[in-house]
Amino acid sequence: MKTLATLLLLSLPTPKFASSPKTPPEPVKLAAAHRGGQWYLAQTGHAVYCYGPVVLVPNNEIGMERVATFCQGERSMVPLKD
């Protein structure tokens, strides 16, 4: 009886999974990221790369504040260190 059960288990087809074709990684755009902008020193002490002009905006606490515009990353305006 055991041999019959063993033969039955061995005769069952085993599932074979097809391997998915590997896609190449996205190319990194290093040269295009720094075209037409300038590096500035933010109030936080970090360097930021911005594409737009430096403008003065009103600030209630200190009067007028210099900010760089259209900066790389999440922020559109970054206060600059004088």
PDB file of N, CA and C in Angstrom:
ATOM      1  N   MET A   1       0.813  -1.183   0.000  1.00  0.00           N
ATOM      2  CA  MET A   1       0.000   0.000   0.000  1.00  0.00           C
ATOM      3  C   MET A   1       0.869   1.265   0.000  1.00  0.00           C
ATOM      4  N   LYS A   2       1.976   1.215   0.774  1.00  0.00           N
ATOM      5  CA  LYS A   2       2.867   2.369   0.826  1.00  0.00           C
ATOM      6  C   LYS A   2       3.543   2.589  -0.513  1.00  0.00           C
ATOM      7  N   THR A   3       3.900   1.526  -1.182  1.00  0.00           N
ATOM      8  CA  THR A   3       4.573   1.679  -2.471  1.00  0.00           C
ATOM      9  C   THR A   3       3.620   2.231  -3.522  1.00  0.00           C
ATOM     10  N   LEU A   4       2.346   1.851  -3.427  1.00  0.00           N
ATOM     11  CA  LEU A   4       1.359   2.376  -4.354  1.00  0.00           C
ATOM     12  C   LEU A   4       1.169   3.881  -4.142  1.00  0.00           C
ATOM     13  N   ALA A   5       1.119   4.318  -2.904  1.00  0.00           N
ATOM     14  CA  ALA A   5       0.975   5.736  -2.586  1.00  0.00           C
ATOM     15  C   ALA A   5       2.214   6.512  -3.021  1.00  0.00           C
ATOM     16  N   THR A   6       3.390   5.919  -2.847  1.00  0.00           N
ATOM     17  CA  THR A   6       4.635   6.572  -3.257  1.00  0.00           C
ATOM     18  C   THR A   6       4.682   6.717  -4.768  1.00  0.00           C
ATOM     19  N   LEU A   7       4.292   5.669  -5.484  1.00  0.00           N
ATOM     20  CA  LEU A   7       4.275   5.732  -6.936  1.00  0.00           C
ATOM     21  C   LEU A   7       3.264   6.760  -7.440  1.00  0.00           C
ATOM     22  N   LEU A   8       2.145   6.872  -6.767  1.00  0.00           N
ATOM     23  CA  LEU A   8       1.125   7.838  -7.143  1.00  0.00           C
ATOM     24  C   LEU A   8       1.638   9.258  -6.933  1.00  0.00           C
ATOM     25  N   LEU A   9       2.317   9.508  -5.821  1.00  0.00           N
ATOM     26  CA  LEU A   9       2.866  10.852  -5.545  1.00  0.00           C
ATOM     27  C   LEU A   9       3.966  11.219  -6.528  1.00  0.00           C
ATOM     28  N   LEU A  10       4.785  10.244  -6.908  1.00  0.00           N
ATOM     29  CA  LEU A  10       5.870  10.526  -7.839  1.00  0.00           C
ATOM     30  C   LEU A  10       5.376  10.756  -9.255  1.00  0.00           C
ATOM     31  N   SER A  11       4.218  10.218  -9.585  1.00  0.00           N
ATOM     32  CA  SER A  11       3.706  10.356 -10.941  1.00  0.00           C
ATOM     33  C   SER A  11       2.960  11.682 -11.145  1.00  0.00           C
ATOM     34  N   LEU A  12       2.650  12.388 -10.085  1.00  0.00           N
ATOM     35  CA  LEU A  12       1.953  13.668 -10.223  1.00  0.00           C
ATOM     36  C   LEU A  12       2.891  14.705 -10.841  1.00  0.00           C
ATOM     37  N   PRO A  13       2.372  15.551 -11.713  1.00  0.00           N
ATOM     38  CA  PRO A  13       3.241  16.576 -12.318  1.00  0.00           C
ATOM     39  C   PRO A  13       3.628  17.639 -11.280  1.00  0.00           C
ATOM     40  N   THR A  14       4.852  18.089 -11.374  1.00  0.00           N
ATOM     41  CA  THR A  14       5.323  19.131 -10.456  1.00  0.00           C
ATOM     42  C   THR A  14       5.191  20.479 -11.162  1.00  0.00           C
ATOM     43  N   PRO A  15       4.720  21.491 -10.444  1.00  0.00           N
ATOM     44  CA  PRO A  15       4.554  22.812 -11.073  1.00  0.00           C
ATOM     45  C   PRO A  15       5.917  23.441 -11.357  1.00  0.00           C
ATOM     46  N   LYS A  16       6.040  24.015 -12.545  1.00  0.00           N
ATOM     47  CA  LYS A  16       7.263  24.716 -12.925  1.00  0.00           C
ATOM     48  C   LYS A  16       6.894  26.171 -13.187  1.00  0.00           C
ATOM     49  N   PHE A  17       7.583  27.056 -12.523  1.00  0.00           N
ATOM     50  CA  PHE A  17       7.303  28.474 -12.656  1.00  0.00           C
ATOM     51  C   PHE A  17       8.235  29.065 -13.710  1.00  0.00           C
ATOM     52  N   ALA A  18       7.652  29.812 -14.627  1.00  0.00           N
ATOM     53  CA  ALA A  18       8.449  30.466 -15.664  1.00  0.00           C
ATOM     54  C   ALA A  18       9.140  31.673 -15.055  1.00  0.00           C
ATOM     55  N   SER A  19      10.410  31.818 -15.347  1.00  0.00           N
ATOM     56  CA  SER A  19      11.135  32.975 -14.819  1.00  0.00           C
ATOM     57  C   SER A  19      10.774  34.197 -15.648  1.00  0.00           C
ATOM     58  N   SER A  20      10.581  35.310 -14.953  1.00  0.00           N
ATOM     59  CA  SER A  20      10.232  36.540 -15.645  1.00  0.00           C
ATOM     60  C   SER A  20      11.482  37.156 -16.253  1.00  0.00           C
ATOM     61  N   PRO A  21      11.367  37.744 -17.427  1.00  0.00           N
ATOM     62  CA  PRO A  21      12.553  38.354 -18.047  1.00  0.00           C
ATOM     63  C   PRO A  21      12.997  39.562 -17.236  1.00  0.00           C
ATOM     64  N   LYS A  22      14.287  39.695 -17.045  1.00  0.00           N
ATOM     65  CA  LYS A  22      14.815  40.806 -16.265  1.00  0.00           C
ATOM     66  C   LYS A  22      14.851  42.057 -17.126  1.00  0.00           C
ATOM     67  N   THR A  23      14.368  43.154 -16.547  1.00  0.00           N
ATOM     68  CA  THR A  23      14.411  44.428 -17.255  1.00  0.00           C
ATOM     69  C   THR A  23      15.623  45.208 -16.770  1.00  0.00           C
ATOM     70  N   PRO A  24      16.280  45.917 -17.660  1.00  0.00           N
ATOM     71  CA  PRO A  24      17.451  46.682 -17.234  1.00  0.00           C
ATOM     72  C   PRO A  24      17.020  47.844 -16.347  1.00  0.00           C
ATOM     73  N   PRO A  25      17.863  48.273 -15.417  1.00  0.00           N
ATOM     74  CA  PRO A  25      17.497  49.385 -14.536  1.00  0.00           C
ATOM     75  C   PRO A  25      17.422  50.693 -15.320  1.00  0.00           C
ATOM     76  N   GLU A  26      16.693  51.652 -14.760  1.00  0.00           N
ATOM     77  CA  GLU A  26      16.555  52.960 -15.381  1.00  0.00           C
ATOM     78  C   GLU A  26      17.904  53.668 -15.407  1.00  0.00           C
ATOM     79  N   PRO A  27      18.257  54.321 -16.496  1.00  0.00           N
ATOM     80  CA  PRO A  27      19.529  55.045 -16.526  1.00  0.00           C
ATOM     81  C   PRO A  27      19.468  56.275 -15.615  1.00  0.00           C
ATOM     82  N   VAL A  28      20.570  56.581 -14.988  1.00  0.00           N
ATOM     83  CA  VAL A  28      20.647  57.715 -14.072  1.00  0.00           C
ATOM     84  C   VAL A  28      21.001  58.961 -14.871  1.00  0.00           C
ATOM     85  N   LYS A  29      20.256  60.020 -14.658  1.00  0.00           N
ATOM     86  CA  LYS A  29      20.499  61.259 -15.376  1.00  0.00           C
ATOM     87  C   LYS A  29      21.314  62.193 -14.483  1.00  0.00           C
ATOM     88  N   LEU A  30      22.612  62.117 -14.589  1.00  0.00           N
ATOM     89  CA  LEU A  30      23.472  62.969 -13.779  1.00  0.00           C
ATOM     90  C   LEU A  30      23.780  64.291 -14.455  1.00  0.00           C
ATOM     91  N   ALA A  31      24.091  64.260 -15.725  1.00  0.00           N
ATOM     92  CA  ALA A  31      24.508  65.472 -16.415  1.00  0.00           C
ATOM     93  C   ALA A  31      23.346  66.443 -16.603  1.00  0.00           C
ATOM     94  N   ALA A  32      22.164  65.946 -16.852  1.00  0.00           N
ATOM     95  CA  ALA A  32      21.020  66.819 -17.108  1.00  0.00           C
ATOM     96  C   ALA A  32      20.511  67.498 -15.847  1.00  0.00           C
ATOM     97  N   ALA A  33      20.831  66.988 -14.674  1.00  0.00           N
ATOM     98  CA  ALA A  33      20.311  67.540 -13.430  1.00  0.00           C
ATOM     99  C   ALA A  33      20.950  68.877 -13.084  1.00  0.00           C
ATOM    100  N   HIS A  34      22.119  69.180 -13.603  1.00  0.00           N
ATOM    101  CA  HIS A  34      22.836  70.392 -13.219  1.00  0.00           C
ATOM    102  C   HIS A  34      23.024  71.332 -14.406  1.00  0.00           C
ATOM    103  N   ARG A  35      22.010  71.498 -15.209  1.00  0.00           N
ATOM    104  CA  ARG A  35      22.117  72.350 -16.378  1.00  0.00           C
ATOM    105  C   ARG A  35      21.380  73.663 -16.130  1.00  0.00           C
ATOM    106  N   GLY A  36      22.092  74.770 -16.147  1.00  0.00           N
ATOM    107  CA  GLY A  36      21.461  76.076 -16.080  1.00  0.00           C
ATOM    108  C   GLY A  36      21.148  76.591 -14.688  1.00  0.00           C
ATOM    109  N   GLY A  37      21.672  76.022 -13.647  1.00  0.00           N
ATOM    110  CA  GLY A  37      21.392  76.489 -12.301  1.00  0.00           C
ATOM    111  C   GLY A  37      22.650  76.909 -11.567  1.00  0.00           C
ATOM    112  N   GLN A  38      22.494  77.091 -10.256  1.00  0.00           N
ATOM    113  CA  GLN A  38      23.613  77.523  -9.429  1.00  0.00           C
ATOM    114  C   GLN A  38      23.450  76.948  -8.028  1.00  0.00           C
ATOM    115  N   TRP A  39      24.586  76.732  -7.350  1.00  0.00           N
ATOM    116  CA  TRP A  39      24.583  76.240  -5.979  1.00  0.00           C
ATOM    117  C   TRP A  39      24.484  77.416  -5.022  1.00  0.00           C
ATOM    118  N   TYR A  40      23.687  77.256  -3.952  1.00  0.00           N
ATOM    119  CA  TYR A  40      23.516  78.271  -2.912  1.00  0.00           C
ATOM    120  C   TYR A  40      23.646  77.608  -1.550  1.00  0.00           C
ATOM    121  N   LEU A  41      23.922  78.424  -0.524  1.00  0.00           N
ATOM    122  CA  LEU A  41      23.992  77.938   0.845  1.00  0.00           C
ATOM    123  C   LEU A  41      22.697  78.313   1.553  1.00  0.00           C
ATOM    124  N   ALA A  42      21.924  77.319   1.965  1.00  0.00           N
ATOM    125  CA  ALA A  42      20.642  77.549   2.625  1.00  0.00           C
ATOM    126  C   ALA A  42      20.857  77.920   4.085  1.00  0.00           C
ATOM    127  N   GLN A  43      19.814  78.463   4.719  1.00  0.00           N
ATOM    128  CA  GLN A  43      19.892  78.818   6.141  1.00  0.00           C
ATOM    129  C   GLN A  43      20.159  77.597   7.007  1.00  0.00           C
ATOM    130  N   THR A  44      19.783  76.445   6.552  1.00  0.00           N
ATOM    131  CA  THR A  44      20.002  75.220   7.324  1.00  0.00           C
ATOM    132  C   THR A  44      21.450  74.771   7.286  1.00  0.00           C
ATOM    133  N   GLY A  45      22.264  75.394   6.406  1.00  0.00           N
ATOM    134  CA  GLY A  45      23.665  75.023   6.290  1.00  0.00           C
ATOM    135  C   GLY A  45      23.928  74.031   5.185  1.00  0.00           C
ATOM    136  N   HIS A  46      22.902  73.628   4.467  1.00  0.00           N
ATOM    137  CA  HIS A  46      23.050  72.672   3.367  1.00  0.00           C
ATOM    138  C   HIS A  46      23.193  73.416   2.043  1.00  0.00           C
ATOM    139  N   ALA A  47      23.884  72.805   1.108  1.00  0.00           N
ATOM    140  CA  ALA A  47      23.986  73.348  -0.235  1.00  0.00           C
ATOM    141  C   ALA A  47      22.755  72.923  -1.029  1.00  0.00           C
ATOM    142  N   VAL A  48      22.183  73.861  -1.780  1.00  0.00           N
ATOM    143  CA  VAL A  48      21.018  73.576  -2.610  1.00  0.00           C
ATOM    144  C   VAL A  48      21.311  74.034  -4.028  1.00  0.00           C
ATOM    145  N   TYR A  49      20.759  73.322  -4.996  1.00  0.00           N
ATOM    146  CA  TYR A  49      20.938  73.663  -6.404  1.00  0.00           C
ATOM    147  C   TYR A  49      19.617  74.216  -6.914  1.00  0.00           C
ATOM    148  N   CYS A  50      19.633  75.466  -7.374  1.00  0.00           N
ATOM    149  CA  CYS A  50      18.403  76.113  -7.804  1.00  0.00           C
ATOM    150  C   CYS A  50      18.548  76.639  -9.222  1.00  0.00           C
ATOM    151  N   TYR A  51      17.425  76.646  -9.937  1.00  0.00           N
ATOM    152  CA  TYR A  51      17.399  77.064 -11.328  1.00  0.00           C
ATOM    153  C   TYR A  51      16.901  78.491 -11.503  1.00  0.00           C
ATOM    154  N   GLY A  52      16.107  78.988 -10.577  1.00  0.00           N
ATOM    155  CA  GLY A  52      15.496  80.307 -10.714  1.00  0.00           C
ATOM    156  C   GLY A  52      16.331  81.412 -10.093  1.00  0.00           C
ATOM    157  N   PRO A  53      15.812  82.630 -10.158  1.00  0.00           N
ATOM    158  CA  PRO A  53      16.540  83.772  -9.602  1.00  0.00           C
ATOM    159  C   PRO A  53      16.420  83.843  -8.086  1.00  0.00           C
ATOM    160  N   VAL A  54      17.296  84.636  -7.476  1.00  0.00           N
ATOM    161  CA  VAL A  54      17.219  84.927  -6.047  1.00  0.00           C
ATOM    162  C   VAL A  54      16.331  86.158  -5.897  1.00  0.00           C
ATOM    163  N   VAL A  55      15.315  86.052  -5.051  1.00  0.00           N
ATOM    164  CA  VAL A  55      14.377  87.161  -4.873  1.00  0.00           C
ATOM    165  C   VAL A  55      14.258  87.496  -3.399  1.00  0.00           C
ATOM    166  N   LEU A  56      13.752  88.700  -3.114  1.00  0.00           N
ATOM    167  CA  LEU A  56      13.469  89.135  -1.746  1.00  0.00           C
ATOM    168  C   LEU A  56      11.981  88.962  -1.493  1.00  0.00           C
ATOM    169  N   VAL A  57      11.637  88.283  -0.397  1.00  0.00           N
ATOM    170  CA  VAL A  57      10.237  88.092  -0.022  1.00  0.00           C
ATOM    171  C   VAL A  57      10.036  88.656   1.377  1.00  0.00           C
ATOM    172  N   PRO A  58       8.852  89.187   1.650  1.00  0.00           N
ATOM    173  CA  PRO A  58       8.609  89.733   2.991  1.00  0.00           C
ATOM    174  C   PRO A  58       8.487  88.623   4.039  1.00  0.00           C
ATOM    175  N   ASN A  59       9.089  88.881   5.203  1.00  0.00           N
ATOM    176  CA  ASN A  59       9.022  87.959   6.328  1.00  0.00           C
ATOM    177  C   ASN A  59       8.645  88.780   7.547  1.00  0.00           C
ATOM    178  N   ASN A  60       7.621  88.380   8.277  1.00  0.00           N
ATOM    179  CA  ASN A  60       7.132  89.159   9.414  1.00  0.00           C
ATOM    180  C   ASN A  60       8.161  89.298  10.520  1.00  0.00           C
ATOM    181  N   GLU A  61       9.007  88.306  10.712  1.00  0.00           N
ATOM    182  CA  GLU A  61       9.954  88.322  11.824  1.00  0.00           C
ATOM    183  C   GLU A  61      11.192  89.162  11.540  1.00  0.00           C
ATOM    184  N   ILE A  62      11.743  89.056  10.318  1.00  0.00           N
ATOM    185  CA  ILE A  62      13.020  89.717  10.040  1.00  0.00           C
ATOM    186  C   ILE A  62      12.929  90.756   8.935  1.00  0.00           C
ATOM    187  N   GLY A  63      11.765  91.053   8.418  1.00  0.00           N
ATOM    188  CA  GLY A  63      11.624  92.015   7.325  1.00  0.00           C
ATOM    189  C   GLY A  63      11.688  91.299   5.990  1.00  0.00           C
ATOM    190  N   MET A  64      12.670  91.662   5.175  1.00  0.00           N
ATOM    191  CA  MET A  64      12.833  91.037   3.861  1.00  0.00           C
ATOM    192  C   MET A  64      13.828  89.884   3.960  1.00  0.00           C
ATOM    193  N   GLU A  65      13.568  88.830   3.220  1.00  0.00           N
ATOM    194  CA  GLU A  65      14.399  87.624   3.279  1.00  0.00           C
ATOM    195  C   GLU A  65      14.783  87.203   1.857  1.00  0.00           C
ATOM    196  N   ARG A  66      16.057  86.871   1.657  1.00  0.00           N
ATOM    197  CA  ARG A  66      16.532  86.389   0.360  1.00  0.00           C
ATOM    198  C   ARG A  66      16.219  84.906   0.234  1.00  0.00           C
ATOM    199  N   VAL A  67      15.602  84.514  -0.876  1.00  0.00           N
ATOM    200  CA  VAL A  67      15.285  83.112  -1.132  1.00  0.00           C
ATOM    201  C   VAL A  67      15.695  82.767  -2.555  1.00  0.00           C
ATOM    202  N   ALA A  68      16.156  81.544  -2.735  1.00  0.00           N
ATOM    203  CA  ALA A  68      16.421  81.000  -4.066  1.00  0.00           C
ATOM    204  C   ALA A  68      15.164  80.283  -4.527  1.00  0.00           C
ATOM    205  N   THR A  69      14.860  80.405  -5.814  1.00  0.00           N
ATOM    206  CA  THR A  69      13.611  79.836  -6.325  1.00  0.00           C
ATOM    207  C   THR A  69      13.881  78.676  -7.286  1.00  0.00           C
ATOM    208  N   PHE A  70      12.875  77.852  -7.441  1.00  0.00           N
ATOM    209  CA  PHE A  70      12.894  76.679  -8.322  1.00  0.00           C
ATOM    210  C   PHE A  70      14.094  75.782  -8.015  1.00  0.00           C
ATOM    211  N   CYS A  71      14.135  75.310  -6.783  1.00  0.00           N
ATOM    212  CA  CYS A  71      15.255  74.487  -6.334  1.00  0.00           C
ATOM    213  C   CYS A  71      14.985  73.020  -6.597  1.00  0.00           C
ATOM    214  N   GLN A  72      16.074  72.286  -6.713  1.00  0.00           N
ATOM    215  CA  GLN A  72      15.996  70.852  -6.971  1.00  0.00           C
ATOM    216  C   GLN A  72      15.472  70.157  -5.724  1.00  0.00           C
ATOM    217  N   GLY A  73      14.567  69.227  -5.908  1.00  0.00           N
ATOM    218  CA  GLY A  73      13.993  68.499  -4.778  1.00  0.00           C
ATOM    219  C   GLY A  73      12.551  68.904  -4.565  1.00  0.00           C
ATOM    220  N   GLU A  74      12.123  68.893  -3.331  1.00  0.00           N
ATOM    221  CA  GLU A  74      10.722  69.102  -2.985  1.00  0.00           C
ATOM    222  C   GLU A  74      10.324  70.568  -2.868  1.00  0.00           C
ATOM    223  N   ARG A  75      11.257  71.437  -2.554  1.00  0.00           N
ATOM    224  CA  ARG A  75      10.911  72.816  -2.220  1.00  0.00           C
ATOM    225  C   ARG A  75      11.088  73.754  -3.411  1.00  0.00           C
ATOM    226  N   SER A  76      10.151  74.695  -3.551  1.00  0.00           N
ATOM    227  CA  SER A  76      10.244  75.648  -4.644  1.00  0.00           C
ATOM    228  C   SER A  76      10.998  76.910  -4.235  1.00  0.00           C
ATOM    229  N   MET A  77      11.033  77.212  -2.917  1.00  0.00           N
ATOM    230  CA  MET A  77      11.770  78.374  -2.416  1.00  0.00           C
ATOM    231  C   MET A  77      12.570  77.958  -1.192  1.00  0.00           C
ATOM    232  N   VAL A  78      13.855  78.354  -1.155  1.00  0.00           N
ATOM    233  CA  VAL A  78      14.733  78.000  -0.049  1.00  0.00           C
ATOM    234  C   VAL A  78      15.341  79.280   0.513  1.00  0.00           C
ATOM    235  N   PRO A  79      15.136  79.582   1.815  1.00  0.00           N
ATOM    236  CA  PRO A  79      15.769  80.755   2.419  1.00  0.00           C
ATOM    237  C   PRO A  79      17.292  80.592   2.418  1.00  0.00           C
ATOM    238  N   LEU A  80      17.984  81.685   2.054  1.00  0.00           N
ATOM    239  CA  LEU A  80      19.436  81.635   1.926  1.00  0.00           C
ATOM    240  C   LEU A  80      20.118  82.217   3.157  1.00  0.00           C
ATOM    241  N   LYS A  81      21.322  81.723   3.410  1.00  0.00           N
ATOM    242  CA  LYS A  81      22.142  82.232   4.502  1.00  0.00           C
ATOM    243  C   LYS A  81      22.919  83.441   3.968  1.00  0.00           C
ATOM    244  N   ASP A  82      22.905  84.529   4.709  1.00  0.00           N
ATOM    245  CA  ASP A  82      23.623  85.732   4.270  1.00  0.00           C
ATOM    246  C   ASP A  82      25.074  85.689   4.605  1.00  0.00           C
TER     247      ASP A  82
END
